Amino acid sequence: MIAADAAGFPLTAFVSVTLAGPEHRAGFLARVAQLPEIQECHHVTGDDDYLLKLRCRGPSDLDRLLTEELKGGPGVARTSTQVALRSEKESVGLPPLRSTD
């Protein structure tokens, strides 16, 4: 696994997104698919619609992604951003299957 810091993307942020309505889902997902800084996009339960994991070059890059790319597009009603101070564990593989006996 490539270290994000070494690759020039030291900032990790998690962004909760609430859409203005379901009619905006397809457009939002198309925008997400075009942004390589968005590493993960999860449709979630609760007050928000999606949870995104972003890798950015720094605070100004995060600001650009939020204001121009996400909030600048139609249909995004609200976002809430949390910046990771440090990542203690990240995995790209799946856990091994365990017997249910």
C-alpha atoms as a PDB file:
ATOM      1  CA  MET A   1       0.000   0.000   0.000  1.00  0.00           C
ATOM      2  CA  ILE A   2       1.339   3.451  -0.922  1.00  0.00           C
ATOM      3  CA  ALA A   3       1.619   5.879   1.989  1.00  0.00           C
ATOM      4  CA  ALA A   4      -0.675   8.828   1.282  1.00  0.00           C
ATOM      5  CA  ASP A   5       1.755  11.254   2.956  1.00  0.00           C
ATOM      6  CA  ALA A   6       4.623  10.111   0.756  1.00  0.00           C
ATOM      7  CA  ALA A   7       2.425  10.441  -2.340  1.00  0.00           C
ATOM      8  CA  GLY A   8       1.636  14.100  -1.501  1.00  0.00           C
ATOM      9  CA  PHE A   9      -1.825  13.628   0.029  1.00  0.00           C
ATOM     10  CA  PRO A  10      -1.296  14.000   3.791  1.00  0.00           C
ATOM     11  CA  LEU A  11      -4.806  15.225   4.663  1.00  0.00           C
ATOM     12  CA  THR A  12      -7.597  12.694   5.165  1.00  0.00           C
ATOM     13  CA  ALA A  13     -11.146  13.972   5.617  1.00  0.00           C
ATOM     14  CA  PHE A  14     -14.530  12.346   6.012  1.00  0.00           C
ATOM     15  CA  VAL A  15     -17.439  14.285   4.548  1.00  0.00           C
ATOM     16  CA  SER A  16     -21.086  13.574   5.296  1.00  0.00           C
ATOM     17  CA  VAL A  17     -23.340  14.738   2.475  1.00  0.00           C
ATOM     18  CA  THR A  18     -27.070  15.392   2.530  1.00  0.00           C
ATOM     19  CA  LEU A  19     -28.766  15.761  -0.845  1.00  0.00           C
ATOM     20  CA  ALA A  20     -31.673  18.138  -1.440  1.00  0.00           C
ATOM     21  CA  GLY A  21     -33.702  15.213  -2.788  1.00  0.00           C
ATOM     22  CA  PRO A  22     -33.403  11.807  -4.448  1.00  0.00           C
ATOM     23  CA  GLU A  23     -33.653  13.381  -7.893  1.00  0.00           C
ATOM     24  CA  HIS A  24     -30.082  14.698  -7.371  1.00  0.00           C
ATOM     25  CA  ARG A  25     -28.551  11.274  -6.648  1.00  0.00           C
ATOM     26  CA  ALA A  26     -27.415  10.411 -10.191  1.00  0.00           C
ATOM     27  CA  GLY A  27     -25.773  13.795 -10.779  1.00  0.00           C
ATOM     28  CA  PHE A  28     -24.053  13.721  -7.405  1.00  0.00           C
ATOM     29  CA  LEU A  29     -22.705  10.192  -7.952  1.00  0.00           C
ATOM     30  CA  ALA A  30     -21.458  11.169 -11.421  1.00  0.00           C
ATOM     31  CA  ARG A  31     -19.509  14.085  -9.882  1.00  0.00           C
ATOM     32  CA  VAL A  32     -18.101  11.809  -7.174  1.00  0.00           C
ATOM     33  CA  ALA A  33     -16.934   9.298  -9.794  1.00  0.00           C
ATOM     34  CA  GLN A  34     -14.953  12.029 -11.581  1.00  0.00           C
ATOM     35  CA  LEU A  35     -13.019  13.202  -8.500  1.00  0.00           C
ATOM     36  CA  PRO A  36      -9.953  11.034  -7.771  1.00  0.00           C
ATOM     37  CA  GLU A  37      -9.508  12.681  -4.346  1.00  0.00           C
ATOM     38  CA  ILE A  38     -12.697  10.928  -3.235  1.00  0.00           C
ATOM     39  CA  GLN A  39     -11.442   7.474  -2.360  1.00  0.00           C
ATOM     40  CA  GLU A  40     -14.663   6.067  -0.969  1.00  0.00           C
ATOM     41  CA  CYS A  41     -18.362   6.854  -1.242  1.00  0.00           C
ATOM     42  CA  HIS A  42     -20.859   5.063   0.981  1.00  0.00           C
ATOM     43  CA  HIS A  43     -24.664   5.380   0.954  1.00  0.00           C
ATOM     44  CA  VAL A  44     -25.442   5.414   4.682  1.00  0.00           C
ATOM     45  CA  THR A  45     -28.305   5.348   7.160  1.00  0.00           C
ATOM     46  CA  GLY A  46     -29.046   8.220   9.509  1.00  0.00           C
ATOM     47  CA  ASP A  47     -29.426  11.945   8.941  1.00  0.00           C
ATOM     48  CA  ASP A  48     -27.045  12.104   5.957  1.00  0.00           C
ATOM     49  CA  ASP A  49     -27.187  10.376   2.591  1.00  0.00           C
ATOM     50  CA  TYR A  50     -23.517   9.673   1.844  1.00  0.00           C
ATOM     51  CA  LEU A  51     -20.210   9.401   3.667  1.00  0.00           C
ATOM     52  CA  LEU A  52     -17.103  10.207   1.623  1.00  0.00           C
ATOM     53  CA  LYS A  53     -13.434   9.577   2.359  1.00  0.00           C
ATOM     54  CA  LEU A  54     -11.176  12.184   0.772  1.00  0.00           C
ATOM     55  CA  ARG A  55      -7.397  12.452   0.401  1.00  0.00           C
ATOM     56  CA  CYS A  56      -6.148  15.985  -0.142  1.00  0.00           C
ATOM     57  CA  ARG A  57      -2.866  17.853  -0.522  1.00  0.00           C
ATOM     58  CA  GLY A  58      -3.812  20.209   2.316  1.00  0.00           C
ATOM     59  CA  PRO A  59      -6.501  22.511   3.725  1.00  0.00           C
ATOM     60  CA  SER A  60      -6.769  24.680   0.597  1.00  0.00           C
ATOM     61  CA  ASP A  61      -7.220  21.571  -1.558  1.00  0.00           C
ATOM     62  CA  LEU A  62      -9.962  20.349   0.805  1.00  0.00           C
ATOM     63  CA  ASP A  63     -11.610  23.785   0.647  1.00  0.00           C
ATOM     64  CA  ARG A  64     -11.599  23.666  -3.174  1.00  0.00           C
ATOM     65  CA  LEU A  65     -13.114  20.173  -3.212  1.00  0.00           C
ATOM     66  CA  LEU A  66     -15.846  21.132  -0.772  1.00  0.00           C
ATOM     67  CA  THR A  67     -16.820  24.527  -2.159  1.00  0.00           C
ATOM     68  CA  GLU A  68     -16.264  24.099  -5.880  1.00  0.00           C
ATOM     69  CA  GLU A  69     -16.714  20.407  -6.557  1.00  0.00           C
ATOM     70  CA  LEU A  70     -19.223  19.169  -3.980  1.00  0.00           C
ATOM     71  CA  LYS A  71     -21.230  22.184  -2.799  1.00  0.00           C
ATOM     72  CA  GLY A  72     -20.800  23.919  -6.159  1.00  0.00           C
ATOM     73  CA  GLY A  73     -22.840  21.278  -7.922  1.00  0.00           C
ATOM     74  CA  PRO A  74     -26.620  21.056  -7.887  1.00  0.00           C
ATOM     75  CA  GLY A  75     -28.460  19.099  -5.251  1.00  0.00           C
ATOM     76  CA  VAL A  76     -26.091  19.177  -2.264  1.00  0.00           C
ATOM     77  CA  ALA A  77     -28.092  20.578   0.633  1.00  0.00           C
ATOM     78  CA  ARG A  78     -25.495  20.183   3.381  1.00  0.00           C
ATOM     79  CA  THR A  79     -22.060  18.795   4.166  1.00  0.00           C
ATOM     80  CA  SER A  80     -20.275  18.118   7.432  1.00  0.00           C
ATOM     81  CA  THR A  81     -16.526  17.562   7.414  1.00  0.00           C
ATOM     82  CA  GLN A  82     -14.227  15.853   9.876  1.00  0.00           C
ATOM     83  CA  VAL A  83     -10.453  15.959   9.373  1.00  0.00           C
ATOM     84  CA  ALA A  84      -8.436  12.985  10.594  1.00  0.00           C
ATOM     85  CA  LEU A  85      -5.605  14.047  12.888  1.00  0.00           C
ATOM     86  CA  ARG A  86      -3.913  10.674  12.521  1.00  0.00           C
ATOM     87  CA  SER A  87      -4.908   7.323  11.074  1.00  0.00           C
ATOM     88  CA  GLU A  88      -4.175   4.460  13.441  1.00  0.00           C
ATOM     89  CA  LYS A  89      -5.365   1.687  11.121  1.00  0.00           C
ATOM     90  CA  GLU A  90      -6.312   1.523   7.467  1.00  0.00           C
ATOM     91  CA  SER A  91      -6.951  -1.641   5.487  1.00  0.00           C
ATOM     92  CA  VAL A  92      -7.424  -2.364   1.835  1.00  0.00           C
ATOM     93  CA  GLY A  93      -7.983  -6.098   2.153  1.00  0.00           C
ATOM     94  CA  LEU A  94     -10.889  -8.080   3.530  1.00  0.00           C
ATOM     95  CA  PRO A  95     -10.783  -9.973   6.819  1.00  0.00           C
ATOM     96  CA  PRO A  96     -10.447 -13.750   6.562  1.00  0.00           C
ATOM     97  CA  LEU A  97     -13.642 -15.781   6.616  1.00  0.00           C
ATOM     98  CA  ARG A  98     -14.202 -17.484   9.944  1.00  0.00           C
ATOM     99  CA  SER A  99     -16.069 -20.673  10.550  1.00  0.00           C
ATOM    100  CA  THR A 100     -19.565 -20.189  12.006  1.00  0.00           C
ATOM    101  CA  ASP A 101     -19.581 -23.653  13.620  1.00  0.00           C
END
